[in-house]
Amino acid sequence: METTLNQDMITVNERALAQIHHLKKEGKLSDDYFIRVSVVGGGCSGLSYKLDFDNEIKPGDQEFPNEGIKIVCDMKSFLYLCGTELDFSDGLNGKGFNFINPNATRTCGCGESFAV
């Protein structure tokens, strides 16, 4: 069952949830860590997505729990990422986490940068 997009949240779909649980099971992601998503300047379209594992909540962070997985985003990045869904692909075009961002008006060919 896919997670429904909500404009006030950052969500994680079933493929990404499965991969995160797999990382936890393999011991590559401990239970006291969460996923931090953010936006940084750069890339061929102007803004780039960033995904890290973190264990420190900072003032102003927005938290989005999803089936035992916590997604955290700073408020400035959330302005660009509200309504975004985190996906995971292991297809022929590459393996990794992807951002499905309804706010992006333009994306680059690799999908790692965008503009609003």
Protein backbone atom coordinates (compact mmCIF):
# COMPACT_ATOMS: atom_id res chain seq x y z
CA MET A 1 0.00 0.00 0.00
CA GLU A 2 1.51 3.33 -1.08
CA THR A 3 1.53 6.30 1.27
CA THR A 4 -0.87 9.03 0.13
CA LEU A 5 0.72 12.40 -0.61
CA ASN A 6 -0.16 15.08 1.88
CA GLN A 7 0.75 18.71 1.15
CA ASP A 8 1.57 19.35 4.82
CA MET A 9 4.04 16.48 5.18
CA ILE A 10 6.98 14.64 3.74
CA THR A 11 5.97 11.02 3.21
CA VAL A 12 7.76 7.76 2.49
CA ASN A 13 6.36 5.19 0.06
CA GLU A 14 6.48 1.41 0.53
CA ARG A 15 9.66 0.89 -1.55
CA ALA A 16 11.59 3.45 0.49
CA LEU A 17 10.20 2.09 3.78
CA ALA A 18 11.30 -1.42 2.81
CA GLN A 19 14.82 -0.20 1.99
CA ILE A 20 15.11 1.74 5.26
CA HIS A 21 13.93 -1.29 7.25
CA HIS A 22 16.46 -3.39 5.29
CA LEU A 23 19.26 -0.98 6.27
CA LYS A 24 18.18 -1.25 9.92
CA LYS A 25 18.06 -5.03 9.76
CA GLU A 26 21.59 -5.16 8.31
CA GLY A 27 22.83 -2.88 11.10
CA LYS A 28 23.70 -0.03 8.73
CA LEU A 29 21.17 2.26 10.40
CA SER A 30 20.72 2.12 14.17
CA ASP A 31 17.41 2.77 15.91
CA ASP A 32 18.56 6.11 17.38
CA TYR A 33 19.14 7.56 13.90
CA PHE A 34 16.57 9.09 11.58
CA ILE A 35 16.55 10.33 8.00
CA ARG A 36 17.24 14.01 7.45
CA VAL A 37 16.16 15.46 4.11
CA SER A 38 17.07 18.95 2.99
CA VAL A 39 17.59 21.25 0.03
CA VAL A 40 20.92 22.89 -0.78
CA GLY A 41 21.91 25.33 -3.50
CA GLY A 42 23.57 23.83 -6.56
CA GLY A 43 23.04 21.35 -9.33
CA CYS A 44 22.16 22.07 -12.91
CA SER A 45 18.62 23.23 -12.02
CA GLY A 46 19.58 25.46 -9.07
CA LEU A 47 18.60 23.40 -6.00
CA SER A 48 19.70 19.91 -4.98
CA TYR A 49 18.20 17.30 -2.69
CA LYS A 50 20.20 16.03 0.24
CA LEU A 51 19.51 12.90 2.31
CA ASP A 52 21.52 12.02 5.42
CA PHE A 53 21.24 9.84 8.50
CA ASP A 54 21.30 11.93 11.68
CA ASN A 55 20.67 11.55 15.40
CA GLU A 56 20.41 15.18 16.50
CA ILE A 57 17.20 17.21 16.33
CA LYS A 58 17.89 20.90 15.75
CA PRO A 59 15.71 23.87 16.72
CA GLY A 60 13.00 24.44 14.11
CA ASP A 61 13.18 20.92 12.67
CA GLN A 62 9.97 19.44 11.33
CA GLU A 63 9.41 15.74 12.18
CA PHE A 64 7.37 13.29 10.09
CA PRO A 65 7.00 9.81 11.61
CA ASN A 66 5.99 7.06 9.20
CA GLU A 67 5.62 3.40 10.25
CA GLY A 68 8.53 3.47 12.70
CA ILE A 69 10.69 5.66 10.46
CA LYS A 70 11.23 9.31 11.30
CA ILE A 71 11.91 11.85 8.56
CA VAL A 72 13.29 15.21 9.73
CA CYS A 73 13.60 18.41 7.73
CA ASP A 74 14.70 21.94 8.60
CA MET A 75 12.03 24.59 8.13
CA LYS A 76 13.79 26.37 5.22
CA SER A 77 14.04 23.12 3.25
CA PHE A 78 10.48 22.17 4.14
CA LEU A 79 9.24 25.21 2.21
CA TYR A 80 10.58 23.48 -0.93
CA LEU A 81 9.76 19.90 0.13
CA CYS A 82 6.21 20.09 1.54
CA GLY A 83 4.14 17.39 -0.12
CA THR A 84 7.23 15.48 -1.26
CA GLU A 85 7.32 11.69 -1.26
CA LEU A 86 10.55 9.79 -0.64
CA ASP A 87 10.90 6.84 -3.03
CA PHE A 88 13.50 4.13 -3.61
CA SER A 89 14.45 2.69 -6.97
CA ASP A 90 16.71 -0.21 -7.83
CA GLY A 91 15.98 -0.24 -11.54
CA LEU A 92 18.17 0.11 -14.61
CA ASN A 93 18.36 3.91 -14.28
CA GLY A 94 20.16 3.64 -10.96
CA LYS A 95 19.71 2.51 -7.40
CA GLY A 96 18.91 4.90 -4.59
CA PHE A 97 16.45 7.17 -2.88
CA ASN A 98 14.50 9.64 -5.03
CA PHE A 99 12.36 12.66 -4.24
CA ILE A 100 8.92 12.97 -5.86
CA ASN A 101 8.40 16.69 -5.39
CA PRO A 102 5.12 18.29 -6.54
CA ASN A 103 6.67 21.76 -6.06
CA ALA A 104 9.41 21.29 -8.65
CA THR A 105 8.74 23.18 -11.87
CA ARG A 106 11.89 21.87 -13.56
CA THR A 107 14.22 18.96 -12.86
CA CYS A 108 17.51 17.88 -14.36
CA GLY A 109 17.95 14.62 -16.24
CA CYS A 110 19.53 12.84 -13.28
CA GLY A 111 16.72 13.87 -10.90
CA GLU A 112 19.10 15.21 -8.26
CA SER A 113 18.39 18.89 -8.77
CA PHE A 114 15.28 20.98 -9.35
CA ALA A 115 13.85 24.49 -9.55
CA VAL A 116 10.64 25.97 -8.18
